[in-house]
N, C-alpha and C. Protein backbone atom coordinates (compact mmCIF):
# COMPACT_ATOMS: atom_id res chain seq x y z
N UNK A 1 175.87 81.90 16.29
CA UNK A 1 175.46 80.68 16.92
C UNK A 1 175.32 80.85 18.43
N UNK A 2 176.25 81.49 19.08
CA UNK A 2 176.19 81.67 20.52
C UNK A 2 175.31 82.84 20.93
N UNK A 3 174.92 83.67 19.98
CA UNK A 3 174.14 84.86 20.35
C UNK A 3 172.71 84.51 20.77
N UNK A 4 172.18 83.38 20.35
CA UNK A 4 170.82 83.01 20.70
C UNK A 4 170.71 82.25 22.01
N UNK A 5 171.83 81.83 22.57
CA UNK A 5 171.80 81.02 23.79
C UNK A 5 171.27 81.80 25.00
N UNK A 6 171.70 83.02 25.26
CA UNK A 6 171.14 83.73 26.42
C UNK A 6 169.63 83.92 26.33
N UNK A 7 169.13 84.15 25.14
CA UNK A 7 167.68 84.30 24.96
C UNK A 7 166.96 82.98 25.26
N UNK A 8 167.53 81.87 24.81
CA UNK A 8 166.93 80.56 25.08
C UNK A 8 166.97 80.23 26.57
N UNK A 9 168.09 80.55 27.22
CA UNK A 9 168.21 80.29 28.65
C UNK A 9 167.20 81.14 29.42
N UNK A 10 167.04 82.39 29.04
CA UNK A 10 166.08 83.27 29.71
C UNK A 10 164.66 82.76 29.49
N UNK A 11 164.34 82.34 28.28
CA UNK A 11 163.01 81.81 27.98
C UNK A 11 162.73 80.53 28.77
N UNK A 12 163.72 79.66 28.86
CA UNK A 12 163.56 78.42 29.63
C UNK A 12 163.39 78.72 31.12
N UNK A 13 164.12 79.72 31.62
CA UNK A 13 164.00 80.09 33.03
C UNK A 13 162.62 80.64 33.34
N UNK A 14 162.12 81.51 32.49
CA UNK A 14 160.79 82.08 32.69
C UNK A 14 159.73 80.98 32.58
N UNK A 15 159.88 80.08 31.63
CA UNK A 15 158.93 78.98 31.49
C UNK A 15 158.95 78.09 32.73
N UNK A 16 160.13 77.81 33.26
CA UNK A 16 160.23 76.99 34.47
C UNK A 16 159.55 77.68 35.65
N UNK A 17 159.74 78.98 35.79
CA UNK A 17 159.11 79.71 36.89
C UNK A 17 157.58 79.70 36.77
N UNK A 18 157.08 79.84 35.56
CA UNK A 18 155.63 79.81 35.34
C UNK A 18 155.06 78.44 35.68
N UNK A 19 155.73 77.38 35.22
CA UNK A 19 155.26 76.02 35.51
C UNK A 19 155.33 75.75 37.01
N UNK A 20 156.41 76.17 37.66
CA UNK A 20 156.54 75.96 39.10
C UNK A 20 155.44 76.71 39.85
N UNK A 21 155.13 77.93 39.43
CA UNK A 21 154.05 78.69 40.05
C UNK A 21 152.71 78.01 39.89
N UNK A 22 152.44 77.47 38.71
CA UNK A 22 151.19 76.75 38.48
C UNK A 22 151.10 75.50 39.34
N UNK A 23 152.21 74.79 39.48
CA UNK A 23 152.21 73.58 40.32
C UNK A 23 151.91 73.94 41.77
N UNK A 24 152.53 75.00 42.28
CA UNK A 24 152.28 75.43 43.65
C UNK A 24 150.82 75.83 43.82
N UNK A 25 150.26 76.54 42.86
CA UNK A 25 148.86 76.97 42.91
C UNK A 25 147.91 75.78 42.92
N UNK A 26 148.14 74.83 42.02
CA UNK A 26 147.27 73.65 41.92
C UNK A 26 147.36 72.81 43.18
N UNK A 27 148.56 72.60 43.70
CA UNK A 27 148.71 71.81 44.92
C UNK A 27 148.06 72.51 46.11
N UNK A 28 148.13 73.82 46.17
CA UNK A 28 147.47 74.56 47.25
C UNK A 28 145.96 74.41 47.18
N UNK A 29 145.40 74.52 45.99
CA UNK A 29 143.95 74.34 45.83
C UNK A 29 143.53 72.91 46.14
N UNK A 30 144.34 71.94 45.75
CA UNK A 30 144.04 70.54 46.04
C UNK A 30 144.02 70.31 47.55
N UNK A 31 144.99 70.86 48.26
CA UNK A 31 145.04 70.69 49.71
C UNK A 31 143.83 71.34 50.38
N UNK A 32 143.42 72.50 49.89
CA UNK A 32 142.24 73.17 50.43
C UNK A 32 140.99 72.32 50.21
N UNK A 33 140.86 71.73 49.02
CA UNK A 33 139.71 70.87 48.73
C UNK A 33 139.70 69.63 49.63
N UNK A 34 140.87 69.04 49.84
CA UNK A 34 140.96 67.86 50.69
C UNK A 34 140.58 68.22 52.12
N UNK A 35 141.07 69.35 52.61
CA UNK A 35 140.72 69.78 53.97
C UNK A 35 139.23 70.03 54.11
N UNK A 36 138.64 70.66 53.11
CA UNK A 36 137.21 70.95 53.13
C UNK A 36 136.38 69.66 53.12
N UNK A 37 136.76 68.72 52.26
CA UNK A 37 136.03 67.46 52.20
C UNK A 37 136.19 66.65 53.49
N UNK A 38 137.37 66.71 54.09
CA UNK A 38 137.59 66.00 55.35
C UNK A 38 136.71 66.58 56.45
N UNK A 39 136.65 67.90 56.51
CA UNK A 39 135.81 68.55 57.51
C UNK A 39 134.33 68.23 57.29
N UNK A 40 133.89 68.26 56.05
CA UNK A 40 132.50 67.95 55.74
C UNK A 40 132.16 66.51 56.14
N UNK A 41 133.04 65.58 55.81
CA UNK A 41 132.79 64.18 56.16
C UNK A 41 132.79 63.97 57.67
N UNK A 42 133.67 64.66 58.37
CA UNK A 42 133.71 64.55 59.83
C UNK A 42 132.42 65.07 60.45
N UNK A 43 131.96 66.22 59.99
CA UNK A 43 130.71 66.77 60.51
C UNK A 43 129.52 65.88 60.19
N UNK A 44 129.50 65.33 58.99
CA UNK A 44 128.40 64.45 58.59
C UNK A 44 128.37 63.19 59.45
N UNK A 45 129.53 62.58 59.65
CA UNK A 45 129.55 61.35 60.46
C UNK A 45 129.24 61.64 61.92
N UNK A 46 129.66 62.80 62.42
CA UNK A 46 129.34 63.17 63.80
C UNK A 46 127.84 63.41 63.96
N UNK A 47 127.24 64.07 63.01
CA UNK A 47 125.80 64.33 63.08
C UNK A 47 125.01 63.03 63.02
N UNK A 48 125.44 62.11 62.19
CA UNK A 48 124.73 60.83 62.10
C UNK A 48 124.96 59.97 63.34
N UNK A 49 126.14 60.04 63.92
CA UNK A 49 126.44 59.24 65.11
C UNK A 49 125.69 59.76 66.33
N UNK A 50 125.43 61.06 66.38
CA UNK A 50 124.80 61.66 67.55
C UNK A 50 123.31 61.92 67.39
N UNK A 51 122.71 61.39 66.34
CA UNK A 51 121.29 61.63 66.15
C UNK A 51 120.48 60.83 67.18
N UNK A 52 119.35 61.34 67.49
CA UNK A 52 118.46 60.70 68.45
C UNK A 52 117.31 60.07 67.68
N UNK A 53 117.31 58.75 67.61
CA UNK A 53 116.28 58.06 66.84
C UNK A 53 114.89 58.23 67.44
N UNK A 54 114.80 58.57 68.71
CA UNK A 54 113.49 58.76 69.31
C UNK A 54 112.84 60.06 68.83
N UNK A 55 113.61 60.93 68.21
CA UNK A 55 113.07 62.21 67.74
C UNK A 55 112.48 62.09 66.34
N UNK A 56 112.41 60.91 65.81
CA UNK A 56 111.87 60.73 64.47
C UNK A 56 110.35 60.85 64.49
N UNK A 57 109.84 61.66 63.58
CA UNK A 57 108.40 61.84 63.45
C UNK A 57 107.83 60.67 62.66
N UNK A 58 108.36 60.44 61.49
CA UNK A 58 107.98 59.31 60.65
C UNK A 58 109.26 58.54 60.31
N UNK A 59 109.09 57.31 59.91
CA UNK A 59 110.24 56.53 59.51
C UNK A 59 110.94 57.21 58.34
N UNK A 60 112.22 57.52 58.50
CA UNK A 60 112.98 58.17 57.45
C UNK A 60 113.05 59.67 57.57
N UNK A 61 112.25 60.31 58.42
CA UNK A 61 112.29 61.75 58.62
C UNK A 61 113.16 62.07 59.82
N UNK A 62 113.88 63.16 59.72
CA UNK A 62 114.75 63.59 60.81
C UNK A 62 114.21 64.90 61.35
N UNK A 63 113.94 64.95 62.64
CA UNK A 63 113.31 66.11 63.26
C UNK A 63 114.28 66.74 64.25
N UNK A 64 114.49 68.05 64.11
CA UNK A 64 115.34 68.79 65.04
C UNK A 64 114.46 69.69 65.89
N UNK A 65 114.55 69.55 67.18
CA UNK A 65 113.79 70.39 68.10
C UNK A 65 114.74 71.42 68.68
N UNK A 66 114.54 72.67 68.28
CA UNK A 66 115.46 73.73 68.72
C UNK A 66 115.11 74.19 70.09
């Protein structure tokens, strides 16, 4: 009866470590995605806020003069 306990404890420990590793991995990827989306939205809003409406060729077209 007691001979199977160390094996169960070892299996539970390994399972816990695997789950903890997956949680850390998923949270890291989520944070990277959030940072990327935040940067994209910031750049998009900055570009729209700083556009020059006088540079429009036609209504609805955006023209960049390099």
